[in-house]
C-alpha atoms as a PDB file:
ATOM      1  CA  UNK A   1     146.972 109.337  92.246  1.00  0.00           C
ATOM      2  CA  UNK A   2     143.546 109.845  90.337  1.00  0.00           C
ATOM      3  CA  UNK A   3     141.728 112.908  90.155  1.00  0.00           C
ATOM      4  CA  UNK A   4     138.640 111.582  92.035  1.00  0.00           C
ATOM      5  CA  UNK A   5     140.752 110.803  95.202  1.00  0.00           C
ATOM      6  CA  UNK A   6     141.665 114.231  97.294  1.00  0.00           C
ATOM      7  CA  UNK A   7     145.347 114.058  98.336  1.00  0.00           C
ATOM      8  CA  UNK A   8     144.942 113.713 102.640  1.00  0.00           C
ATOM      9  CA  UNK A   9     147.627 116.087 104.139  1.00  0.00           C
ATOM     10  CA  UNK A  10     148.249 116.091 107.698  1.00  0.00           C
ATOM     11  CA  UNK A  11     148.296 119.113 109.506  1.00  0.00           C
ATOM     12  CA  UNK A  12     151.747 118.975 111.541  1.00  0.00           C
ATOM     13  CA  UNK A  13     152.841 122.663 111.588  1.00  0.00           C
ATOM     14  CA  UNK A  14     151.808 124.798 114.678  1.00  0.00           C
ATOM     15  CA  UNK A  15     151.387 128.822 114.203  1.00  0.00           C
ATOM     16  CA  UNK A  16     151.221 130.446 117.869  1.00  0.00           C
ATOM     17  CA  UNK A  17     149.931 133.916 118.031  1.00  0.00           C
ATOM     18  CA  UNK A  18     149.278 136.230 121.166  1.00  0.00           C
ATOM     19  CA  UNK A  19     145.949 137.500 121.852  1.00  0.00           C
ATOM     20  CA  UNK A  20     144.335 139.490 124.421  1.00  0.00           C
ATOM     21  CA  UNK A  21     141.814 137.237 127.013  1.00  0.00           C
ATOM     22  CA  UNK A  22     139.008 139.617 125.188  1.00  0.00           C
ATOM     23  CA  UNK A  23     140.203 138.941 121.653  1.00  0.00           C
ATOM     24  CA  UNK A  24     140.466 134.880 122.671  1.00  0.00           C
ATOM     25  CA  UNK A  25     136.783 134.610 123.936  1.00  0.00           C
ATOM     26  CA  UNK A  26     135.197 136.787 121.103  1.00  0.00           C
ATOM     27  CA  UNK A  27     137.520 134.505 118.630  1.00  0.00           C
ATOM     28  CA  UNK A  28     135.987 131.108 120.804  1.00  0.00           C
ATOM     29  CA  UNK A  29     132.728 132.403 120.486  1.00  0.00           C
ATOM     30  CA  UNK A  30     132.639 132.998 116.568  1.00  0.00           C
ATOM     31  CA  UNK A  31     133.801 129.676 115.827  1.00  0.00           C
ATOM     32  CA  UNK A  32     131.043 128.193 118.133  1.00  0.00           C
ATOM     33  CA  UNK A  33     128.560 130.737 116.655  1.00  0.00           C
ATOM     34  CA  UNK A  34     129.415 129.111 113.192  1.00  0.00           C
ATOM     35  CA  UNK A  35     130.043 125.372 114.500  1.00  0.00           C
ATOM     36  CA  UNK A  36     133.694 125.238 113.641  1.00  0.00           C
ATOM     37  CA  UNK A  37     136.943 124.962 115.840  1.00  0.00           C
ATOM     38  CA  UNK A  38     138.894 127.778 116.569  1.00  0.00           C
ATOM     39  CA  UNK A  39     141.804 126.695 114.106  1.00  0.00           C
ATOM     40  CA  UNK A  40     139.277 126.864 111.174  1.00  0.00           C
ATOM     41  CA  UNK A  41     137.650 129.610 111.997  1.00  0.00           C
ATOM     42  CA  UNK A  42     141.395 131.517 111.737  1.00  0.00           C
ATOM     43  CA  UNK A  43     142.629 129.636 108.668  1.00  0.00           C
ATOM     44  CA  UNK A  44     139.625 130.169 106.819  1.00  0.00           C
ATOM     45  CA  UNK A  45     139.743 133.805 108.031  1.00  0.00           C
ATOM     46  CA  UNK A  46     143.202 134.337 106.655  1.00  0.00           C
ATOM     47  CA  UNK A  47     142.987 132.460 103.336  1.00  0.00           C
ATOM     48  CA  UNK A  48     139.261 134.211 102.807  1.00  0.00           C
ATOM     49  CA  UNK A  49     137.399 131.002 102.612  1.00  0.00           C
ATOM     50  CA  UNK A  50     133.706 131.661 103.934  1.00  0.00           C
ATOM     51  CA  UNK A  51     132.561 130.634 107.040  1.00  0.00           C
ATOM     52  CA  UNK A  52     129.934 128.109 107.260  1.00  0.00           C
ATOM     53  CA  UNK A  53     126.412 129.807 108.144  1.00  0.00           C
ATOM     54  CA  UNK A  54     125.969 130.709 111.675  1.00  0.00           C
ATOM     55  CA  UNK A  55     124.322 128.105 113.653  1.00  0.00           C
ATOM     56  CA  UNK A  56     120.838 128.734 114.886  1.00  0.00           C
ATOM     57  CA  UNK A  57     121.435 128.300 118.742  1.00  0.00           C
ATOM     58  CA  UNK A  58     118.972 129.505 121.159  1.00  0.00           C
ATOM     59  CA  UNK A  59     119.178 127.951 124.738  1.00  0.00           C
ATOM     60  CA  UNK A  60     115.380 128.019 125.136  1.00  0.00           C
ATOM     61  CA  UNK A  61     114.704 126.418 122.122  1.00  0.00           C
ATOM     62  CA  UNK A  62     117.274 123.784 123.192  1.00  0.00           C
ATOM     63  CA  UNK A  63     115.415 123.438 126.825  1.00  0.00           C
ATOM     64  CA  UNK A  64     112.088 123.409 125.004  1.00  0.00           C
ATOM     65  CA  UNK A  65     112.588 120.683 122.932  1.00  0.00           C
ATOM     66  CA  UNK A  66     114.445 118.566 125.974  1.00  0.00           C
ATOM     67  CA  UNK A  67     111.198 118.658 127.744  1.00  0.00           C
ATOM     68  CA  UNK A  68     109.161 118.181 124.910  1.00  0.00           C
ATOM     69  CA  UNK A  69     111.010 115.076 124.341  1.00  0.00           C
ATOM     70  CA  UNK A  70     110.901 113.781 128.046  1.00  0.00           C
ATOM     71  CA  UNK A  71     107.176 114.697 128.261  1.00  0.00           C
ATOM     72  CA  UNK A  72     106.477 112.436 124.897  1.00  0.00           C
ATOM     73  CA  UNK A  73     108.550 109.505 126.752  1.00  0.00           C
ATOM     74  CA  UNK A  74     106.132 109.957 129.885  1.00  0.00           C
ATOM     75  CA  UNK A  75     103.358 110.153 127.762  1.00  0.00           C
ATOM     76  CA  UNK A  76     104.471 106.850 125.854  1.00  0.00           C
ATOM     77  CA  UNK A  77     105.103 105.296 129.242  1.00  0.00           C
ATOM     78  CA  UNK A  78     101.678 106.057 130.585  1.00  0.00           C
ATOM     79  CA  UNK A  79      99.802 105.214 127.423  1.00  0.00           C
ATOM     80  CA  UNK A  80     101.298 101.773 127.502  1.00  0.00           C
ATOM     81  CA  UNK A  81      99.895 101.105 130.921  1.00  0.00           C
ATOM     82  CA  UNK A  82      96.384 102.484 130.319  1.00  0.00           C
ATOM     83  CA  UNK A  83      94.955 102.019 126.685  1.00  0.00           C
ATOM     84  CA  UNK A  84      94.442  98.656 125.171  1.00  0.00           C
ATOM     85  CA  UNK A  85      93.831  97.418 121.347  1.00  0.00           C
ATOM     86  CA  UNK A  86      94.135  99.609 118.192  1.00  0.00           C
ATOM     87  CA  UNK A  87      93.495 103.160 120.121  1.00  0.00           C
ATOM     88  CA  UNK A  88      96.888 101.809 122.119  1.00  0.00           C
ATOM     89  CA  UNK A  89      98.876 100.805 119.401  1.00  0.00           C
ATOM     90  CA  UNK A  90      97.719 104.436 117.440  1.00  0.00           C
ATOM     91  CA  UNK A  91      98.817 106.334 120.396  1.00  0.00           C
ATOM     92  CA  UNK A  92     101.890 104.451 120.656  1.00  0.00           C
ATOM     93  CA  UNK A  93     102.846 105.014 117.315  1.00  0.00           C
ATOM     94  CA  UNK A  94     102.044 108.422 117.075  1.00  0.00           C
ATOM     95  CA  UNK A  95     103.992 109.049 120.490  1.00  0.00           C
ATOM     96  CA  UNK A  96     107.107 107.324 119.045  1.00  0.00           C
ATOM     97  CA  UNK A  97     107.109 109.215 116.003  1.00  0.00           C
ATOM     98  CA  UNK A  98     106.669 112.832 117.961  1.00  0.00           C
ATOM     99  CA  UNK A  99     109.747 111.721 120.140  1.00  0.00           C
ATOM    100  CA  UNK A 100     111.967 110.768 117.093  1.00  0.00           C
ATOM    101  CA  UNK A 101     111.124 113.814 115.550  1.00  0.00           C
ATOM    102  CA  UNK A 102     111.845 115.951 118.445  1.00  0.00           C
ATOM    103  CA  UNK A 103     115.143 114.122 118.691  1.00  0.00           C
ATOM    104  CA  UNK A 104     116.104 114.811 115.001  1.00  0.00           C
ATOM    105  CA  UNK A 105     115.115 118.539 115.601  1.00  0.00           C
ATOM    106  CA  UNK A 106     117.553 118.477 118.881  1.00  0.00           C
ATOM    107  CA  UNK A 107     120.097 116.801 116.851  1.00  0.00           C
ATOM    108  CA  UNK A 108     119.620 119.371 114.179  1.00  0.00           C
ATOM    109  CA  UNK A 109     119.989 122.401 116.350  1.00  0.00           C
ATOM    110  CA  UNK A 110     122.900 121.602 118.594  1.00  0.00           C
ATOM    111  CA  UNK A 111     124.953 119.988 115.975  1.00  0.00           C
ATOM    112  CA  UNK A 112     128.770 121.306 116.698  1.00  0.00           C
END
């Protein structure tokens, strides 16, 4: 094997541990905040590997982005029916860009 290739190791060993319901919920919450799986959180914590930065997840932001995206598509449909010529094309292109940018923002905010 060359130095440039990383050896892929299969994770096939199971470690069980007992926790309280409160501890379980706190562990799940922390993993979710950092956008990682519980197993990754526990492994990183045990091996002193830094966690990824917490996600800036806010339900109000998510709802706002979803609403803005839907409103943009509604405006796009209305514009396609009402306007003609160059004005129509400019507005349609602007709304398409807006919708695309909102989707990118949404995807970035909600990434697991």
